N, C-alpha and C. Protein backbone atom coordinates (compact mmCIF):
# COMPACT_ATOMS: atom_id res chain seq x y z
N MET A 1 114.81 88.37 8.06
CA MET A 1 114.86 88.91 9.42
C MET A 1 116.25 89.45 9.74
N ALA A 2 117.29 88.69 9.33
CA ALA A 2 118.67 89.11 9.61
C ALA A 2 118.98 90.42 8.92
N ALA A 3 118.51 90.56 7.65
CA ALA A 3 118.77 91.79 6.90
C ALA A 3 118.12 92.98 7.59
N MET A 4 116.90 92.76 8.13
CA MET A 4 116.21 93.85 8.80
C MET A 4 116.98 94.28 10.04
N THR A 5 117.51 93.32 10.78
CA THR A 5 118.28 93.63 11.98
C THR A 5 119.52 94.44 11.63
N THR A 6 120.20 94.04 10.54
CA THR A 6 121.39 94.76 10.10
C THR A 6 121.05 96.20 9.74
N GLY A 7 119.91 96.36 9.03
CA GLY A 7 119.50 97.71 8.63
C GLY A 7 119.20 98.57 9.84
N ASN A 8 118.49 98.00 10.83
CA ASN A 8 118.17 98.76 12.03
C ASN A 8 119.43 99.14 12.79
N THR A 9 120.38 98.19 12.82
CA THR A 9 121.64 98.48 13.50
C THR A 9 122.37 99.61 12.82
N GLY A 10 122.36 99.58 11.47
CA GLY A 10 123.01 100.65 10.72
C GLY A 10 122.37 101.99 10.97
N ALA A 11 121.02 102.01 11.00
CA ALA A 11 120.31 103.26 11.25
C ALA A 11 120.61 103.76 12.66
N GLY A 12 120.66 102.81 13.61
CA GLY A 12 120.98 103.19 14.99
C GLY A 12 122.37 103.76 15.10
N SER A 13 123.31 103.15 14.38
CA SER A 13 124.70 103.65 14.41
C SER A 13 124.79 105.05 13.83
N ARG A 14 124.05 105.29 12.72
CA ARG A 14 124.06 106.63 12.13
C ARG A 14 123.45 107.65 13.09
N ALA A 15 122.36 107.25 13.75
CA ALA A 15 121.72 108.16 14.70
C ALA A 15 122.65 108.47 15.86
N ASP A 16 123.34 107.44 16.36
CA ASP A 16 124.30 107.65 17.45
C ASP A 16 125.44 108.56 17.00
N ALA A 17 125.91 108.34 15.77
CA ALA A 17 127.01 109.17 15.24
C ALA A 17 126.55 110.61 15.09
N ASN A 18 125.31 110.81 14.60
CA ASN A 18 124.76 112.17 14.48
C ASN A 18 124.65 112.84 15.84
N ARG A 19 124.16 112.08 16.81
CA ARG A 19 123.98 112.63 18.16
C ARG A 19 125.34 113.04 18.74
N ARG A 20 126.35 112.17 18.55
CA ARG A 20 127.68 112.48 19.07
C ARG A 20 128.26 113.72 18.39
N ARG A 21 128.06 113.80 17.08
CA ARG A 21 128.57 114.96 16.34
C ARG A 21 127.88 116.24 16.81
N ILE A 22 126.59 116.17 16.99
CA ILE A 22 125.84 117.35 17.45
C ILE A 22 126.37 117.81 18.81
N LEU A 23 126.59 116.87 19.71
CA LEU A 23 127.10 117.22 21.04
C LEU A 23 128.49 117.85 20.96
N ASP A 24 129.37 117.24 20.16
CA ASP A 24 130.73 117.77 20.03
C ASP A 24 130.73 119.17 19.44
N VAL A 25 129.93 119.34 18.39
CA VAL A 25 129.86 120.65 17.73
C VAL A 25 129.18 121.66 18.65
N ALA A 26 128.13 121.24 19.35
CA ALA A 26 127.42 122.15 20.26
C ALA A 26 128.35 122.66 21.36
N LEU A 27 129.18 121.77 21.90
CA LEU A 27 130.12 122.20 22.94
C LEU A 27 131.07 123.26 22.39
N ALA A 28 131.62 123.00 21.22
CA ALA A 28 132.54 123.95 20.61
C ALA A 28 131.84 125.28 20.31
N GLU A 29 130.63 125.22 19.77
CA GLU A 29 129.90 126.44 19.43
C GLU A 29 129.51 127.25 20.67
N LEU A 30 129.07 126.55 21.72
CA LEU A 30 128.65 127.25 22.94
C LEU A 30 129.84 127.85 23.68
N LEU A 31 130.99 127.20 23.59
CA LEU A 31 132.19 127.77 24.20
C LEU A 31 132.65 129.00 23.42
N ARG A 32 132.40 128.97 22.10
CA ARG A 32 132.76 130.11 21.26
C ARG A 32 131.76 131.24 21.42
N ASP A 33 130.47 130.85 21.48
CA ASP A 33 129.39 131.83 21.57
C ASP A 33 128.31 131.28 22.50
N PRO A 34 128.30 131.70 23.77
CA PRO A 34 127.34 131.16 24.73
C PRO A 34 125.88 131.35 24.32
N ASP A 35 125.63 132.27 23.40
CA ASP A 35 124.26 132.52 22.95
C ASP A 35 123.91 131.76 21.66
N ALA A 36 124.78 130.84 21.26
CA ALA A 36 124.55 130.08 20.02
C ALA A 36 123.18 129.41 20.05
N SER A 37 122.44 129.56 18.96
CA SER A 37 121.10 129.00 18.87
C SER A 37 121.15 127.57 18.34
N MET A 38 120.01 126.91 18.41
CA MET A 38 119.92 125.55 17.86
C MET A 38 120.15 125.58 16.35
N ASP A 39 119.71 126.66 15.68
CA ASP A 39 119.95 126.80 14.23
C ASP A 39 121.45 126.88 13.95
N GLN A 40 122.17 127.69 14.73
CA GLN A 40 123.62 127.81 14.55
C GLN A 40 124.31 126.47 14.74
N ILE A 41 123.89 125.76 15.77
CA ILE A 41 124.50 124.47 16.07
C ILE A 41 124.22 123.47 14.94
N ALA A 42 123.00 123.49 14.43
CA ALA A 42 122.64 122.59 13.33
C ALA A 42 123.50 122.88 12.10
N ARG A 43 123.65 124.16 11.76
CA ARG A 43 124.46 124.51 10.60
C ARG A 43 125.91 124.10 10.79
N ALA A 44 126.45 124.34 11.98
CA ALA A 44 127.85 123.98 12.25
C ALA A 44 128.05 122.47 12.21
N ALA A 45 127.02 121.72 12.59
CA ALA A 45 127.11 120.25 12.59
C ALA A 45 126.81 119.66 11.22
N GLY A 46 126.34 120.49 10.29
CA GLY A 46 126.04 120.01 8.95
C GLY A 46 124.77 119.18 8.86
N VAL A 47 123.80 119.50 9.75
CA VAL A 47 122.53 118.77 9.74
C VAL A 47 121.40 119.81 9.73
N VAL A 48 120.20 119.35 9.43
CA VAL A 48 119.05 120.26 9.47
C VAL A 48 118.59 120.41 10.91
N ARG A 49 117.89 121.49 11.17
CA ARG A 49 117.44 121.78 12.53
C ARG A 49 116.58 120.64 13.09
N ARG A 50 115.78 120.02 12.22
CA ARG A 50 114.91 118.92 12.65
C ARG A 50 115.71 117.78 13.26
N THR A 51 116.90 117.54 12.72
CA THR A 51 117.75 116.45 13.25
C THR A 51 118.20 116.78 14.66
N VAL A 52 118.58 118.03 14.90
CA VAL A 52 119.02 118.43 16.25
C VAL A 52 117.86 118.26 17.23
N TYR A 53 116.68 118.76 16.83
CA TYR A 53 115.53 118.66 17.73
C TYR A 53 115.06 117.21 17.89
N GLY A 54 115.39 116.36 16.93
CA GLY A 54 115.04 114.95 17.08
C GLY A 54 115.80 114.29 18.21
N HIS A 55 117.01 114.78 18.49
CA HIS A 55 117.81 114.24 19.58
C HIS A 55 117.63 115.02 20.88
N PHE A 56 117.41 116.34 20.74
CA PHE A 56 117.31 117.21 21.92
C PHE A 56 116.12 118.14 21.73
N PRO A 57 115.07 117.95 22.51
CA PRO A 57 113.83 118.71 22.31
C PRO A 57 113.94 120.21 22.56
N SER A 58 115.01 120.64 23.24
CA SER A 58 115.17 122.07 23.51
C SER A 58 116.65 122.38 23.71
N ARG A 59 116.98 123.65 23.65
CA ARG A 59 118.36 124.08 23.88
C ARG A 59 118.79 123.71 25.30
N GLU A 60 117.88 123.86 26.25
CA GLU A 60 118.19 123.52 27.64
C GLU A 60 118.50 122.03 27.77
N ALA A 61 117.76 121.19 27.05
CA ALA A 61 118.01 119.74 27.09
C ALA A 61 119.39 119.42 26.53
N LEU A 62 119.77 120.12 25.46
CA LEU A 62 121.09 119.92 24.86
C LEU A 62 122.18 120.32 25.85
N ILE A 63 122.04 121.50 26.46
CA ILE A 63 123.03 121.95 27.43
C ILE A 63 123.06 121.02 28.63
N GLY A 64 121.89 120.54 29.05
CA GLY A 64 121.83 119.60 30.17
C GLY A 64 122.60 118.32 29.88
N THR A 65 122.51 117.83 28.65
CA THR A 65 123.24 116.63 28.26
C THR A 65 124.75 116.89 28.28
N LEU A 66 125.17 118.05 27.81
CA LEU A 66 126.58 118.40 27.85
C LEU A 66 127.07 118.50 29.30
N VAL A 67 126.24 119.04 30.17
CA VAL A 67 126.61 119.13 31.59
C VAL A 67 126.72 117.74 32.20
N ASP A 68 125.79 116.84 31.81
CA ASP A 68 125.86 115.46 32.30
C ASP A 68 127.20 114.82 31.93
N GLU A 69 127.64 115.05 30.70
CA GLU A 69 128.91 114.49 30.25
C GLU A 69 130.08 115.11 31.02
N ALA A 70 129.98 116.41 31.29
CA ALA A 70 131.03 117.08 32.06
C ALA A 70 131.10 116.51 33.48
N VAL A 71 129.94 116.28 34.09
CA VAL A 71 129.90 115.73 35.44
C VAL A 71 130.48 114.32 35.47
N GLU A 72 130.19 113.52 34.43
CA GLU A 72 130.76 112.17 34.35
C GLU A 72 132.28 112.24 34.29
N ALA A 73 132.81 113.19 33.53
CA ALA A 73 134.25 113.35 33.44
C ALA A 73 134.83 113.81 34.76
N LEU A 74 134.13 114.70 35.46
CA LEU A 74 134.58 115.16 36.77
C LEU A 74 134.60 114.00 37.77
N ALA A 75 133.56 113.18 37.73
CA ALA A 75 133.48 112.04 38.65
C ALA A 75 134.61 111.05 38.40
N ALA A 76 134.93 110.82 37.14
CA ALA A 76 136.02 109.90 36.80
C ALA A 76 137.35 110.46 37.29
N ALA A 77 137.55 111.76 37.13
CA ALA A 77 138.79 112.39 37.60
C ALA A 77 138.89 112.30 39.12
N ASP A 78 137.78 112.55 39.80
CA ASP A 78 137.75 112.48 41.26
C ASP A 78 138.05 111.06 41.74
N ALA A 79 137.43 110.07 41.09
CA ALA A 79 137.65 108.67 41.49
C ALA A 79 139.11 108.28 41.29
N GLY A 80 139.69 108.68 40.17
CA GLY A 80 141.10 108.36 39.92
C GLY A 80 142.01 109.00 40.94
N ALA A 81 141.71 110.24 41.33
CA ALA A 81 142.54 110.94 42.31
C ALA A 81 142.44 110.27 43.67
N ARG A 82 141.25 109.85 44.07
CA ARG A 82 141.07 109.26 45.39
C ARG A 82 141.78 107.91 45.51
N ARG A 83 141.97 107.23 44.41
CA ARG A 83 142.67 105.93 44.47
C ARG A 83 144.14 106.10 44.81
N GLU A 84 144.69 107.28 44.62
CA GLU A 84 146.12 107.51 44.83
C GLU A 84 146.43 108.19 46.16
N THR A 85 145.45 108.41 47.01
CA THR A 85 145.67 109.24 48.18
C THR A 85 146.21 108.47 49.38
N ALA A 86 146.88 109.24 50.27
CA ALA A 86 147.46 108.65 51.47
C ALA A 86 146.80 109.17 52.74
N GLY A 87 145.82 110.04 52.63
CA GLY A 87 145.15 110.59 53.80
C GLY A 87 144.14 111.63 53.38
N PRO A 88 143.30 112.12 54.33
CA PRO A 88 142.23 113.06 53.97
C PRO A 88 142.72 114.35 53.31
N ALA A 89 143.79 114.96 53.84
CA ALA A 89 144.26 116.23 53.26
C ALA A 89 144.76 116.01 51.84
N GLU A 90 145.51 114.94 51.64
CA GLU A 90 146.00 114.64 50.29
C GLU A 90 144.84 114.29 49.38
N ALA A 91 143.84 113.60 49.93
CA ALA A 91 142.67 113.23 49.12
C ALA A 91 141.96 114.47 48.59
N VAL A 92 141.77 115.46 49.46
CA VAL A 92 141.11 116.70 49.03
C VAL A 92 141.95 117.42 47.99
N ALA A 93 143.25 117.54 48.26
CA ALA A 93 144.13 118.26 47.33
C ALA A 93 144.18 117.58 45.97
N ARG A 94 144.38 116.27 45.96
CA ARG A 94 144.45 115.54 44.69
C ARG A 94 143.13 115.64 43.93
N SER A 95 142.03 115.54 44.66
CA SER A 95 140.72 115.61 44.02
C SER A 95 140.51 116.96 43.35
N VAL A 96 140.81 118.05 44.06
CA VAL A 96 140.60 119.38 43.48
C VAL A 96 141.51 119.59 42.28
N LEU A 97 142.76 119.17 42.38
CA LEU A 97 143.70 119.33 41.26
C LEU A 97 143.23 118.55 40.03
N ALA A 98 142.79 117.31 40.26
CA ALA A 98 142.33 116.47 39.15
C ALA A 98 141.03 116.99 38.55
N VAL A 99 140.11 117.37 39.42
CA VAL A 99 138.81 117.87 38.97
C VAL A 99 138.99 119.19 38.21
N TRP A 100 139.93 120.03 38.66
CA TRP A 100 140.11 121.30 37.98
C TRP A 100 140.56 121.10 36.53
N GLU A 101 141.38 120.10 36.27
CA GLU A 101 141.82 119.87 34.90
C GLU A 101 140.62 119.67 33.97
N ILE A 102 139.58 119.00 34.49
CA ILE A 102 138.36 118.79 33.70
C ILE A 102 137.50 120.05 33.75
N ALA A 103 137.37 120.62 34.95
CA ALA A 103 136.51 121.80 35.12
C ALA A 103 136.99 122.96 34.27
N ASP A 104 138.31 123.10 34.12
CA ASP A 104 138.85 124.19 33.32
C ASP A 104 138.40 124.06 31.86
N ARG A 105 138.29 122.82 31.40
CA ARG A 105 137.86 122.56 30.03
C ARG A 105 136.39 122.93 29.83
N TYR A 106 135.60 122.78 30.90
CA TYR A 106 134.16 122.98 30.79
C TYR A 106 133.66 124.24 31.52
N ARG A 107 134.57 125.07 32.04
CA ARG A 107 134.13 126.14 32.94
C ARG A 107 133.17 127.13 32.27
N LEU A 108 133.38 127.43 30.97
CA LEU A 108 132.46 128.33 30.29
C LEU A 108 131.08 127.68 30.15
N LEU A 109 131.08 126.37 29.91
CA LEU A 109 129.81 125.64 29.81
C LEU A 109 129.09 125.64 31.15
N VAL A 110 129.84 125.42 32.24
CA VAL A 110 129.22 125.40 33.57
C VAL A 110 128.63 126.76 33.89
N GLY A 111 129.36 127.83 33.54
CA GLY A 111 128.82 129.17 33.75
C GLY A 111 127.53 129.37 32.98
N LEU A 112 127.49 128.87 31.75
CA LEU A 112 126.28 128.96 30.93
C LEU A 112 125.16 128.13 31.54
N ALA A 113 125.50 126.92 31.99
CA ALA A 113 124.49 126.02 32.55
C ALA A 113 123.84 126.61 33.79
N GLN A 114 124.61 127.35 34.57
CA GLN A 114 124.05 127.95 35.77
C GLN A 114 122.98 128.98 35.43
N ARG A 115 123.01 129.49 34.20
CA ARG A 115 121.99 130.45 33.78
C ARG A 115 120.83 129.79 33.03
N THR A 116 121.05 128.58 32.53
CA THR A 116 120.03 127.95 31.70
C THR A 116 119.44 126.66 32.28
N VAL A 117 120.15 126.03 33.20
CA VAL A 117 119.67 124.81 33.85
C VAL A 117 119.30 125.16 35.28
N THR A 118 118.24 124.58 35.80
CA THR A 118 117.82 124.93 37.15
C THR A 118 118.92 124.62 38.16
N VAL A 119 119.00 125.43 39.21
CA VAL A 119 119.99 125.21 40.27
C VAL A 119 119.84 123.82 40.85
N GLN A 120 118.59 123.41 41.08
CA GLN A 120 118.36 122.08 41.64
C GLN A 120 118.87 121.00 40.68
N GLY A 121 118.72 121.24 39.38
CA GLY A 121 119.20 120.26 38.40
C GLY A 121 120.70 120.08 38.49
N ILE A 122 121.43 121.18 38.65
CA ILE A 122 122.88 121.09 38.77
C ILE A 122 123.25 120.40 40.08
N ARG A 123 122.58 120.73 41.16
CA ARG A 123 122.86 120.09 42.45
C ARG A 123 122.63 118.59 42.38
N ASP A 124 121.54 118.19 41.72
CA ASP A 124 121.25 116.76 41.60
C ASP A 124 122.35 116.04 40.83
N ARG A 125 122.84 116.66 39.76
CA ARG A 125 123.88 116.05 38.96
C ARG A 125 125.17 115.87 39.76
N LEU A 126 125.44 116.79 40.67
CA LEU A 126 126.68 116.75 41.44
C LEU A 126 126.58 115.94 42.72
N ALA A 127 125.42 115.37 43.00
CA ALA A 127 125.21 114.64 44.25
C ALA A 127 126.24 113.52 44.49
N PRO A 128 126.55 112.68 43.49
CA PRO A 128 127.55 111.62 43.76
C PRO A 128 128.93 112.17 44.11
N LEU A 129 129.36 113.22 43.41
CA LEU A 129 130.64 113.85 43.73
C LEU A 129 130.62 114.43 45.14
N ARG A 130 129.50 115.06 45.50
CA ARG A 130 129.37 115.67 46.82
C ARG A 130 129.40 114.60 47.91
N ALA A 131 128.80 113.46 47.65
CA ALA A 131 128.80 112.37 48.63
C ALA A 131 130.22 111.86 48.88
N ASN A 132 130.99 111.73 47.80
CA ASN A 132 132.39 111.30 47.96
C ASN A 132 133.19 112.31 48.77
N LYS A 133 132.99 113.59 48.46
CA LYS A 133 133.70 114.66 49.19
C LYS A 133 133.30 114.66 50.66
N THR A 134 132.01 114.45 50.92
CA THR A 134 131.52 114.42 52.31
C THR A 134 132.21 113.32 53.10
N ALA A 135 132.36 112.15 52.48
CA ALA A 135 133.00 111.02 53.17
C ALA A 135 134.46 111.34 53.51
N VAL A 136 135.17 111.96 52.58
CA VAL A 136 136.57 112.32 52.83
C VAL A 136 136.66 113.37 53.92
N LEU A 137 135.80 114.38 53.86
CA LEU A 137 135.82 115.43 54.87
C LEU A 137 135.45 114.90 56.25
N ARG A 138 134.47 114.01 56.32
CA ARG A 138 134.08 113.42 57.60
C ARG A 138 135.25 112.64 58.20
N HIS A 139 135.94 111.89 57.35
CA HIS A 139 137.11 111.13 57.80
C HIS A 139 138.16 112.08 58.39
N GLY A 140 138.42 113.17 57.66
CA GLY A 140 139.41 114.14 58.12
C GLY A 140 139.00 114.83 59.41
N LEU A 141 137.73 115.16 59.55
CA LEU A 141 137.24 115.78 60.77
C LEU A 141 137.33 114.81 61.94
N ASP A 142 136.98 113.56 61.71
CA ASP A 142 137.05 112.55 62.78
C ASP A 142 138.49 112.32 63.25
N GLU A 143 139.44 112.40 62.31
CA GLU A 143 140.83 112.15 62.65
C GLU A 143 141.55 113.40 63.16
N GLY A 144 140.88 114.55 63.11
CA GLY A 144 141.50 115.78 63.56
C GLY A 144 142.42 116.42 62.53
N VAL A 145 142.43 115.87 61.30
CA VAL A 145 143.22 116.47 60.23
C VAL A 145 142.58 117.78 59.79
N PHE A 146 141.25 117.81 59.78
CA PHE A 146 140.49 119.01 59.44
C PHE A 146 139.83 119.56 60.70
N SER A 147 139.54 120.85 60.65
CA SER A 147 138.85 121.50 61.76
C SER A 147 137.89 122.53 61.18
N SER A 148 136.61 122.37 61.51
CA SER A 148 135.61 123.30 60.96
C SER A 148 134.38 123.32 61.86
N PRO A 149 133.74 124.48 61.99
CA PRO A 149 132.48 124.53 62.74
C PRO A 149 131.34 123.90 61.95
N LEU A 150 131.60 123.61 60.67
CA LEU A 150 130.57 123.01 59.81
C LEU A 150 130.67 121.49 59.83
N PRO A 151 129.54 120.79 59.79
CA PRO A 151 129.59 119.34 59.62
C PRO A 151 130.03 119.00 58.20
N ALA A 152 130.49 117.79 58.00
CA ALA A 152 131.04 117.38 56.71
C ALA A 152 130.11 117.66 55.52
N PRO A 153 128.81 117.35 55.61
CA PRO A 153 127.95 117.60 54.44
C PRO A 153 127.89 119.08 54.07
N ALA A 154 127.86 119.97 55.07
CA ALA A 154 127.82 121.41 54.79
C ALA A 154 129.15 121.88 54.23
N LEU A 155 130.24 121.33 54.77
CA LEU A 155 131.57 121.71 54.29
C LEU A 155 131.76 121.27 52.83
N ALA A 156 131.16 120.15 52.47
CA ALA A 156 131.22 119.68 51.07
C ALA A 156 130.56 120.68 50.14
N TYR A 157 129.45 121.30 50.58
CA TYR A 157 128.81 122.35 49.79
C TYR A 157 129.73 123.56 49.63
N VAL A 158 130.44 123.90 50.69
CA VAL A 158 131.38 125.02 50.63
C VAL A 158 132.45 124.75 49.57
N HIS A 159 133.00 123.53 49.58
CA HIS A 159 134.02 123.18 48.60
C HIS A 159 133.47 123.21 47.18
N GLU A 160 132.24 122.76 47.02
CA GLU A 160 131.61 122.75 45.70
C GLU A 160 131.44 124.17 45.18
N GLN A 161 130.93 125.05 46.03
CA GLN A 161 130.71 126.43 45.61
C GLN A 161 132.03 127.17 45.41
N LEU A 162 133.04 126.78 46.15
CA LEU A 162 134.37 127.38 45.98
C LEU A 162 134.88 127.11 44.56
N LEU A 163 134.69 125.88 44.10
CA LEU A 163 135.15 125.54 42.75
C LEU A 163 134.38 126.33 41.70
N PHE A 164 133.06 126.48 41.90
CA PHE A 164 132.27 127.30 40.98
C PHE A 164 132.78 128.74 40.98
N ALA A 165 133.11 129.26 42.17
CA ALA A 165 133.58 130.63 42.27
C ALA A 165 134.91 130.81 41.55
N VAL A 166 135.78 129.83 41.66
CA VAL A 166 137.07 129.90 40.97
C VAL A 166 136.85 129.89 39.46
N MET A 167 135.92 129.05 38.99
CA MET A 167 135.60 129.03 37.55
C MET A 167 135.14 130.41 37.09
N GLU A 168 134.25 131.03 37.86
CA GLU A 168 133.74 132.35 37.49
C GLU A 168 134.86 133.39 37.51
N ALA A 169 135.77 133.28 38.48
CA ALA A 169 136.88 134.23 38.56
C ALA A 169 137.77 134.12 37.32
N VAL A 170 138.00 132.88 36.86
CA VAL A 170 138.80 132.69 35.64
C VAL A 170 138.03 133.22 34.44
N ASN A 171 136.75 132.91 34.37
CA ASN A 171 135.93 133.38 33.24
C ASN A 171 135.91 134.91 33.15
N ASP A 172 135.96 135.57 34.33
CA ASP A 172 135.91 137.04 34.36
C ASP A 172 137.30 137.67 34.26
N GLY A 173 138.33 136.84 34.06
CA GLY A 173 139.67 137.36 33.90
C GLY A 173 140.34 137.80 35.19
N LEU A 174 139.84 137.35 36.33
CA LEU A 174 140.39 137.76 37.62
C LEU A 174 141.47 136.81 38.12
N LEU A 175 141.60 135.66 37.47
CA LEU A 175 142.54 134.64 37.92
C LEU A 175 143.06 133.89 36.71
N ASP A 176 144.35 133.62 36.70
CA ASP A 176 144.98 132.88 35.61
C ASP A 176 144.56 131.41 35.70
N ALA A 177 144.07 130.86 34.61
CA ALA A 177 143.61 129.47 34.61
C ALA A 177 144.72 128.50 35.01
N LYS A 178 145.98 128.83 34.67
CA LYS A 178 147.10 127.94 34.98
C LYS A 178 147.35 127.85 36.48
N GLU A 179 147.00 128.90 37.21
CA GLU A 179 147.20 128.92 38.66
C GLU A 179 145.94 128.53 39.42
N ALA A 180 144.81 128.53 38.72
CA ALA A 180 143.52 128.36 39.39
C ALA A 180 143.37 127.03 40.12
N GLY A 181 143.84 125.94 39.50
CA GLY A 181 143.70 124.64 40.14
C GLY A 181 144.44 124.57 41.46
N ARG A 182 145.67 125.04 41.46
CA ARG A 182 146.46 125.04 42.70
C ARG A 182 145.84 125.97 43.75
N SER A 183 145.39 127.13 43.28
CA SER A 183 144.76 128.08 44.21
C SER A 183 143.49 127.48 44.82
N ALA A 184 142.71 126.79 43.99
CA ALA A 184 141.47 126.17 44.48
C ALA A 184 141.78 125.07 45.49
N ALA A 185 142.83 124.28 45.22
CA ALA A 185 143.19 123.19 46.14
C ALA A 185 143.63 123.74 47.49
N VAL A 186 144.46 124.79 47.47
CA VAL A 186 144.91 125.40 48.73
C VAL A 186 143.71 125.99 49.47
N SER A 187 142.82 126.65 48.75
CA SER A 187 141.63 127.26 49.37
C SER A 187 140.72 126.20 49.98
N ALA A 188 140.57 125.07 49.29
CA ALA A 188 139.73 123.99 49.82
C ALA A 188 140.30 123.44 51.12
N LEU A 189 141.61 123.28 51.16
CA LEU A 189 142.24 122.77 52.37
C LEU A 189 142.13 123.76 53.52
N THR A 190 142.37 125.05 53.24
CA THR A 190 142.27 126.04 54.31
C THR A 190 140.83 126.18 54.80
N ALA A 191 139.86 126.01 53.88
CA ALA A 191 138.44 126.04 54.29
C ALA A 191 138.13 124.89 55.24
N ALA A 192 138.90 123.81 55.12
CA ALA A 192 138.71 122.65 56.01
C ALA A 192 139.56 122.76 57.27
N GLY A 193 140.24 123.90 57.45
CA GLY A 193 140.98 124.10 58.68
C GLY A 193 142.45 123.76 58.63
N VAL A 194 142.98 123.42 57.45
CA VAL A 194 144.41 123.14 57.33
C VAL A 194 145.15 124.47 57.27
N PRO A 195 146.23 124.65 58.06
CA PRO A 195 146.99 125.91 58.01
C PRO A 195 147.43 126.23 56.58
N ALA A 196 147.37 127.50 56.21
CA ALA A 196 147.65 127.92 54.85
C ALA A 196 149.03 127.49 54.38
N SER A 197 150.04 127.61 55.23
CA SER A 197 151.40 127.24 54.83
C SER A 197 151.51 125.75 54.55
N LYS A 198 150.86 124.95 55.39
CA LYS A 198 150.88 123.50 55.20
C LYS A 198 150.10 123.11 53.94
N ALA A 199 148.97 123.79 53.72
CA ALA A 199 148.15 123.51 52.53
C ALA A 199 148.93 123.84 51.26
N ALA A 200 149.59 125.00 51.26
CA ALA A 200 150.36 125.41 50.08
C ALA A 200 151.52 124.46 49.82
N GLU A 201 152.16 124.00 50.88
CA GLU A 201 153.29 123.07 50.74
C GLU A 201 152.82 121.74 50.14
N LEU A 202 151.69 121.23 50.63
CA LEU A 202 151.16 119.96 50.13
C LEU A 202 150.76 120.08 48.66
N VAL A 203 150.08 121.14 48.30
CA VAL A 203 149.64 121.32 46.93
C VAL A 203 150.83 121.48 46.00
N ALA A 204 151.85 122.23 46.44
CA ALA A 204 153.05 122.40 45.63
C ALA A 204 153.74 121.07 45.38
N GLU A 205 153.78 120.25 46.41
CA GLU A 205 154.41 118.92 46.29
C GLU A 205 153.64 118.04 45.30
N LEU A 206 152.32 118.07 45.38
CA LEU A 206 151.50 117.24 44.50
C LEU A 206 151.48 117.77 43.07
N SER A 207 151.79 119.04 42.89
CA SER A 207 151.74 119.67 41.56
C SER A 207 153.05 119.51 40.80
N GLU A 208 154.08 119.01 41.45
CA GLU A 208 155.38 118.88 40.79
C GLU A 208 155.35 117.80 39.72
């Protein structure tokens, strides 16, 4: 019985290692070539196509899993940033700056996902991040730090779409990736009613 358990564990470990390798290679291949097929990914990963399909039944499922991992990384960055904040405006600025560091790494994937994963699917994945942002924005609106005709939940959607727009601008060569995070943070603050000069000053201070 013990030997059988060891064998199963070994097989499970190999399967997990294969799955991890496929995901890592798929991310690299899709960032290099957004139209990369499952066959291309299998060849790059050094496995047969059947192995890839054994873990991911479709290309969309594979991309969806990569997006899930990206969202987990974004959530971790957001949580870490919020632990260091001293108020709503700083919380928004730190969150955008921290999230952009991750988003910049995955921005080509996110652009691809928006074409291959349903809009509702992406919204559902981002729900926890949006809830955290809504709480910070509501706090800022209640304290008078922010000013907006929009309620906090709607303003959180604005901030979310702003980040997507910045990613697309960088992808299209309209904005330097090195400046994008700071620009997005200032834009998020001004969208919440913070004066542009004050927003730029705060972001510059946090970026030092």
